[in-house]
């Protein structure tokens, strides 16, 4: 069983490394897009072209941030804390960290896509609305989950104390 645990740890570390590499790559691409497409672009690009390149850069940075945050979450929860997601407190904490990143990323992408498509192709705006609506529904579902999960946490207050004590390991 110990070998299987090490295998899972190695898998988590590989996933963390890939998330980190993807995040760094996206940040580099976003910086390149911002520099070449918006800042150093000649007068041929025009104001609208530069604006689109800035929005594209923001989109890449958002996805890079999501990848970085996911790497950090997996690292802290699975490697540093070695958490077994079995109790309500741990499930809520793990899902909350994950969902915060996803909701924020979807919200930023909705904003970026709205600005981009308002001028280029307004017929695509219902798809943007669907992304924003999905983010809103996800936020509401998450709130309902946290609310319902709270009563389960009251049944085992020692799990909350143990989860809080694990924070000292990470900090």
C-alpha atoms as a PDB file:
ATOM      1  CA  UNK A   1       0.000   0.000   0.000  1.00  0.00           C
ATOM      2  CA  UNK A   2       2.911   2.340   0.704  1.00  0.00           C
ATOM      3  CA  UNK A   3       4.157   1.913  -2.876  1.00  0.00           C
ATOM      4  CA  UNK A   4       0.721   2.781  -4.219  1.00  0.00           C
ATOM      5  CA  UNK A   5       0.700   5.917  -2.055  1.00  0.00           C
ATOM      6  CA  UNK A   6       4.089   6.944  -3.486  1.00  0.00           C
ATOM      7  CA  UNK A   7       2.793   6.307  -7.002  1.00  0.00           C
ATOM      8  CA  UNK A   8      -0.144   8.658  -6.384  1.00  0.00           C
ATOM      9  CA  UNK A   9       2.209  11.231  -4.889  1.00  0.00           C
ATOM     10  CA  UNK A  10       4.391  11.020  -8.001  1.00  0.00           C
ATOM     11  CA  UNK A  11       1.269  11.440 -10.150  1.00  0.00           C
ATOM     12  CA  UNK A  12       0.237  14.529  -8.214  1.00  0.00           C
ATOM     13  CA  UNK A  13       3.718  15.992  -8.531  1.00  0.00           C
ATOM     14  CA  UNK A  14       3.691  15.367 -12.298  1.00  0.00           C
ATOM     15  CA  UNK A  15       0.307  17.060 -12.620  1.00  0.00           C
ATOM     16  CA  UNK A  16       1.516  20.004 -10.522  1.00  0.00           C
ATOM     17  CA  UNK A  17       4.600  20.356 -12.733  1.00  0.00           C
ATOM     18  CA  UNK A  18       2.467  20.293 -15.895  1.00  0.00           C
ATOM     19  CA  UNK A  19       0.020  22.866 -14.505  1.00  0.00           C
ATOM     20  CA  UNK A  20       2.971  25.071 -13.558  1.00  0.00           C
ATOM     21  CA  UNK A  21       4.605  24.676 -16.984  1.00  0.00           C
ATOM     22  CA  UNK A  22       1.308  25.514 -18.704  1.00  0.00           C
ATOM     23  CA  UNK A  23       0.862  28.582 -16.482  1.00  0.00           C
ATOM     24  CA  UNK A  24       4.370  29.860 -17.203  1.00  0.00           C
ATOM     25  CA  UNK A  25       3.899  29.238 -20.935  1.00  0.00           C
ATOM     26  CA  UNK A  26       0.630  31.171 -20.950  1.00  0.00           C
ATOM     27  CA  UNK A  27       2.166  34.084 -19.053  1.00  0.00           C
ATOM     28  CA  UNK A  28       5.032  34.211 -21.563  1.00  0.00           C
ATOM     29  CA  UNK A  29       2.574  34.077 -24.484  1.00  0.00           C
ATOM     30  CA  UNK A  30       0.426  36.793 -22.905  1.00  0.00           C
ATOM     31  CA  UNK A  31       3.456  39.013 -22.380  1.00  0.00           C
ATOM     32  CA  UNK A  32       4.523  38.438 -25.977  1.00  0.00           C
ATOM     33  CA  UNK A  33       1.029  39.219 -27.256  1.00  0.00           C
ATOM     34  CA  UNK A  34       0.871  42.362 -25.151  1.00  0.00           C
ATOM     35  CA  UNK A  35       4.331  43.542 -26.167  1.00  0.00           C
ATOM     36  CA  UNK A  36       4.228  42.732 -29.883  1.00  0.00           C
ATOM     37  CA  UNK A  37       0.522  43.109 -30.581  1.00  0.00           C
ATOM     38  CA  UNK A  38      -0.359  46.101 -28.455  1.00  0.00           C
ATOM     39  CA  UNK A  39       2.660  48.070 -27.332  1.00  0.00           C
ATOM     40  CA  UNK A  40       5.147  47.730 -30.192  1.00  0.00           C
ATOM     41  CA  UNK A  41       2.564  47.328 -32.949  1.00  0.00           C
ATOM     42  CA  UNK A  42       2.981  49.775 -35.749  1.00  0.00           C
ATOM     43  CA  UNK A  43       0.356  52.264 -36.791  1.00  0.00           C
ATOM     44  CA  UNK A  44      -1.012  49.592 -39.140  1.00  0.00           C
ATOM     45  CA  UNK A  45      -2.563  47.699 -36.208  1.00  0.00           C
ATOM     46  CA  UNK A  46      -4.913  50.540 -35.296  1.00  0.00           C
ATOM     47  CA  UNK A  47      -6.464  51.208 -31.940  1.00  0.00           C
ATOM     48  CA  UNK A  48      -9.068  48.444 -32.286  1.00  0.00           C
ATOM     49  CA  UNK A  49      -6.398  45.855 -33.171  1.00  0.00           C
ATOM     50  CA  UNK A  50      -4.310  46.853 -30.190  1.00  0.00           C
ATOM     51  CA  UNK A  51      -7.342  46.662 -27.922  1.00  0.00           C
ATOM     52  CA  UNK A  52      -8.116  43.150 -29.192  1.00  0.00           C
ATOM     53  CA  UNK A  53      -4.522  42.085 -28.525  1.00  0.00           C
ATOM     54  CA  UNK A  54      -4.740  43.420 -24.969  1.00  0.00           C
ATOM     55  CA  UNK A  55      -7.977  41.494 -24.421  1.00  0.00           C
ATOM     56  CA  UNK A  56      -6.367  38.349 -25.834  1.00  0.00           C
ATOM     57  CA  UNK A  57      -3.471  38.859 -23.428  1.00  0.00           C
ATOM     58  CA  UNK A  58      -5.871  39.196 -20.489  1.00  0.00           C
ATOM     59  CA  UNK A  59      -7.604  35.967 -21.516  1.00  0.00           C
ATOM     60  CA  UNK A  60      -4.298  34.093 -21.629  1.00  0.00           C
ATOM     61  CA  UNK A  61      -3.265  35.529 -18.258  1.00  0.00           C
ATOM     62  CA  UNK A  62      -6.576  34.431 -16.769  1.00  0.00           C
ATOM     63  CA  UNK A  63      -6.142  30.869 -17.945  1.00  0.00           C
ATOM     64  CA  UNK A  64      -2.518  30.944 -16.769  1.00  0.00           C
ATOM     65  CA  UNK A  65      -3.694  32.107 -13.352  1.00  0.00           C
ATOM     66  CA  UNK A  66      -6.214  29.259 -13.230  1.00  0.00           C
ATOM     67  CA  UNK A  67      -3.481  26.741 -14.045  1.00  0.00           C
ATOM     68  CA  UNK A  68      -1.186  28.225 -11.399  1.00  0.00           C
ATOM     69  CA  UNK A  69      -3.900  28.273  -8.746  1.00  0.00           C
ATOM     70  CA  UNK A  70      -4.839  24.676  -9.526  1.00  0.00           C
ATOM     71  CA  UNK A  71      -1.204  23.643  -9.199  1.00  0.00           C
ATOM     72  CA  UNK A  72      -1.006  25.404  -5.838  1.00  0.00           C
ATOM     73  CA  UNK A  73      -4.266  23.837  -4.626  1.00  0.00           C
ATOM     74  CA  UNK A  74      -3.201  20.323  -5.583  1.00  0.00           C
ATOM     75  CA  UNK A  75       0.233  20.890  -4.036  1.00  0.00           C
ATOM     76  CA  UNK A  76      -1.095  22.203  -0.738  1.00  0.00           C
ATOM     77  CA  UNK A  77      -3.993  19.782  -0.372  1.00  0.00           C
ATOM     78  CA  UNK A  78      -2.490  16.579  -1.751  1.00  0.00           C
ATOM     79  CA  UNK A  79       1.246  16.921  -1.131  1.00  0.00           C
ATOM     80  CA  UNK A  80       1.779  19.226   1.846  1.00  0.00           C
ATOM     81  CA  UNK A  81      -1.306  18.322   3.844  1.00  0.00           C
ATOM     82  CA  UNK A  82      -1.726  14.814   2.406  1.00  0.00           C
ATOM     83  CA  UNK A  83      -5.462  15.285   2.785  1.00  0.00           C
ATOM     84  CA  UNK A  84      -7.851  12.433   2.329  1.00  0.00           C
ATOM     85  CA  UNK A  85     -11.051  14.047   1.106  1.00  0.00           C
ATOM     86  CA  UNK A  86     -13.511  12.116   3.233  1.00  0.00           C
ATOM     87  CA  UNK A  87     -15.112  14.483   5.747  1.00  0.00           C
ATOM     88  CA  UNK A  88     -17.446  17.382   4.950  1.00  0.00           C
ATOM     89  CA  UNK A  89     -14.949  19.997   6.138  1.00  0.00           C
ATOM     90  CA  UNK A  90     -12.218  18.728   3.849  1.00  0.00           C
ATOM     91  CA  UNK A  91     -14.558  18.361   0.883  1.00  0.00           C
ATOM     92  CA  UNK A  92     -15.841  21.906   1.354  1.00  0.00           C
ATOM     93  CA  UNK A  93     -12.346  23.347   1.627  1.00  0.00           C
ATOM     94  CA  UNK A  94     -11.041  21.465  -1.402  1.00  0.00           C
ATOM     95  CA  UNK A  95     -14.024  22.249  -3.598  1.00  0.00           C
ATOM     96  CA  UNK A  96     -14.113  25.865  -2.451  1.00  0.00           C
ATOM     97  CA  UNK A  97     -10.493  26.447  -3.446  1.00  0.00           C
ATOM     98  CA  UNK A  98     -11.136  24.858  -6.827  1.00  0.00           C
ATOM     99  CA  UNK A  99     -14.442  26.609  -7.505  1.00  0.00           C
ATOM    100  CA  UNK A 100     -13.175  30.069  -6.547  1.00  0.00           C
ATOM    101  CA  UNK A 101     -10.602  29.833  -9.304  1.00  0.00           C
ATOM    102  CA  UNK A 102     -13.070  28.502 -11.867  1.00  0.00           C
ATOM    103  CA  UNK A 103     -15.794  31.088 -11.124  1.00  0.00           C
ATOM    104  CA  UNK A 104     -13.328  33.974 -11.271  1.00  0.00           C
ATOM    105  CA  UNK A 105     -11.797  32.699 -14.507  1.00  0.00           C
ATOM    106  CA  UNK A 106     -15.203  32.231 -16.155  1.00  0.00           C
ATOM    107  CA  UNK A 107     -16.255  35.698 -15.034  1.00  0.00           C
ATOM    108  CA  UNK A 108     -13.132  37.320 -16.450  1.00  0.00           C
ATOM    109  CA  UNK A 109     -13.473  35.364 -19.681  1.00  0.00           C
ATOM    110  CA  UNK A 110     -17.091  36.519 -19.939  1.00  0.00           C
ATOM    111  CA  UNK A 111     -16.003  40.119 -19.547  1.00  0.00           C
ATOM    112  CA  UNK A 112     -13.193  39.778 -22.093  1.00  0.00           C
ATOM    113  CA  UNK A 113     -15.420  37.977 -24.601  1.00  0.00           C
ATOM    114  CA  UNK A 114     -18.156  40.612 -24.177  1.00  0.00           C
ATOM    115  CA  UNK A 115     -15.768  43.455 -24.990  1.00  0.00           C
ATOM    116  CA  UNK A 116     -14.290  41.522 -27.880  1.00  0.00           C
ATOM    117  CA  UNK A 117     -17.513  40.357 -29.495  1.00  0.00           C
ATOM    118  CA  UNK A 118     -19.528  43.548 -28.990  1.00  0.00           C
ATOM    119  CA  UNK A 119     -17.593  45.108 -31.835  1.00  0.00           C
ATOM    120  CA  UNK A 120     -16.603  42.087 -33.910  1.00  0.00           C
ATOM    121  CA  UNK A 121     -19.638  39.811 -33.966  1.00  0.00           C
ATOM    122  CA  UNK A 122     -22.550  40.707 -31.678  1.00  0.00           C
ATOM    123  CA  UNK A 123     -24.413  37.586 -32.844  1.00  0.00           C
ATOM    124  CA  UNK A 124     -22.005  35.570 -30.683  1.00  0.00           C
ATOM    125  CA  UNK A 125     -23.036  37.377 -27.480  1.00  0.00           C
ATOM    126  CA  UNK A 126     -25.607  34.691 -26.481  1.00  0.00           C
ATOM    127  CA  UNK A 127     -22.675  32.276 -26.154  1.00  0.00           C
ATOM    128  CA  UNK A 128     -20.926  34.761 -23.895  1.00  0.00           C
ATOM    129  CA  UNK A 129     -24.140  35.042 -21.884  1.00  0.00           C
ATOM    130  CA  UNK A 130     -24.137  31.240 -21.547  1.00  0.00           C
ATOM    131  CA  UNK A 131     -20.594  31.320 -20.136  1.00  0.00           C
ATOM    132  CA  UNK A 132     -21.484  34.103 -17.701  1.00  0.00           C
ATOM    133  CA  UNK A 133     -24.702  32.335 -16.752  1.00  0.00           C
ATOM    134  CA  UNK A 134     -22.756  29.142 -16.138  1.00  0.00           C
ATOM    135  CA  UNK A 135     -20.394  31.019 -13.837  1.00  0.00           C
ATOM    136  CA  UNK A 136     -23.374  32.484 -11.965  1.00  0.00           C
ATOM    137  CA  UNK A 137     -25.063  29.082 -11.639  1.00  0.00           C
ATOM    138  CA  UNK A 138     -21.817  27.554 -10.451  1.00  0.00           C
ATOM    139  CA  UNK A 139     -21.503  30.302  -7.834  1.00  0.00           C
ATOM    140  CA  UNK A 140     -25.085  29.721  -6.640  1.00  0.00           C
ATOM    141  CA  UNK A 141     -24.596  25.937  -6.527  1.00  0.00           C
ATOM    142  CA  UNK A 142     -21.394  26.406  -4.586  1.00  0.00           C
ATOM    143  CA  UNK A 143     -23.203  28.651  -2.085  1.00  0.00           C
ATOM    144  CA  UNK A 144     -25.953  26.056  -1.643  1.00  0.00           C
ATOM    145  CA  UNK A 145     -23.321  23.358  -1.150  1.00  0.00           C
ATOM    146  CA  UNK A 146     -21.495  25.395   1.500  1.00  0.00           C
ATOM    147  CA  UNK A 147     -24.791  26.163   3.262  1.00  0.00           C
ATOM    148  CA  UNK A 148     -25.884  22.523   3.303  1.00  0.00           C
ATOM    149  CA  UNK A 149     -22.400  21.348   4.239  1.00  0.00           C
ATOM    150  CA  UNK A 150     -22.336  23.587   7.292  1.00  0.00           C
ATOM    151  CA  UNK A 151     -24.887  21.487   9.130  1.00  0.00           C
ATOM    152  CA  UNK A 152     -22.779  18.397   8.465  1.00  0.00           C
ATOM    153  CA  UNK A 153     -19.736  20.186   9.897  1.00  0.00           C
ATOM    154  CA  UNK A 154     -21.602  20.883  13.105  1.00  0.00           C
ATOM    155  CA  UNK A 155     -21.914  17.120  13.599  1.00  0.00           C
ATOM    156  CA  UNK A 156     -18.128  16.731  13.666  1.00  0.00           C
ATOM    157  CA  UNK A 157     -16.475  19.878  15.085  1.00  0.00           C
ATOM    158  CA  UNK A 158     -13.208  18.006  15.638  1.00  0.00           C
ATOM    159  CA  UNK A 159     -12.774  17.707  11.864  1.00  0.00           C
ATOM    160  CA  UNK A 160     -12.908  21.509  11.577  1.00  0.00           C
ATOM    161  CA  UNK A 161     -10.282  21.864  14.295  1.00  0.00           C
ATOM    162  CA  UNK A 162      -8.056  19.310  12.581  1.00  0.00           C
ATOM    163  CA  UNK A 163      -8.447  21.069   9.217  1.00  0.00           C
ATOM    164  CA  UNK A 164      -7.503  24.395  10.812  1.00  0.00           C
ATOM    165  CA  UNK A 165      -4.446  22.848  12.457  1.00  0.00           C
ATOM    166  CA  UNK A 166      -3.299  21.600   9.043  1.00  0.00           C
ATOM    167  CA  UNK A 167      -3.087  25.228   7.888  1.00  0.00           C
ATOM    168  CA  UNK A 168      -0.057  25.663  10.125  1.00  0.00           C
ATOM    169  CA  UNK A 169       1.772  23.044   8.024  1.00  0.00           C
ATOM    170  CA  UNK A 170       1.279  25.085   4.858  1.00  0.00           C
ATOM    171  CA  UNK A 171       2.115  28.513   6.254  1.00  0.00           C
END
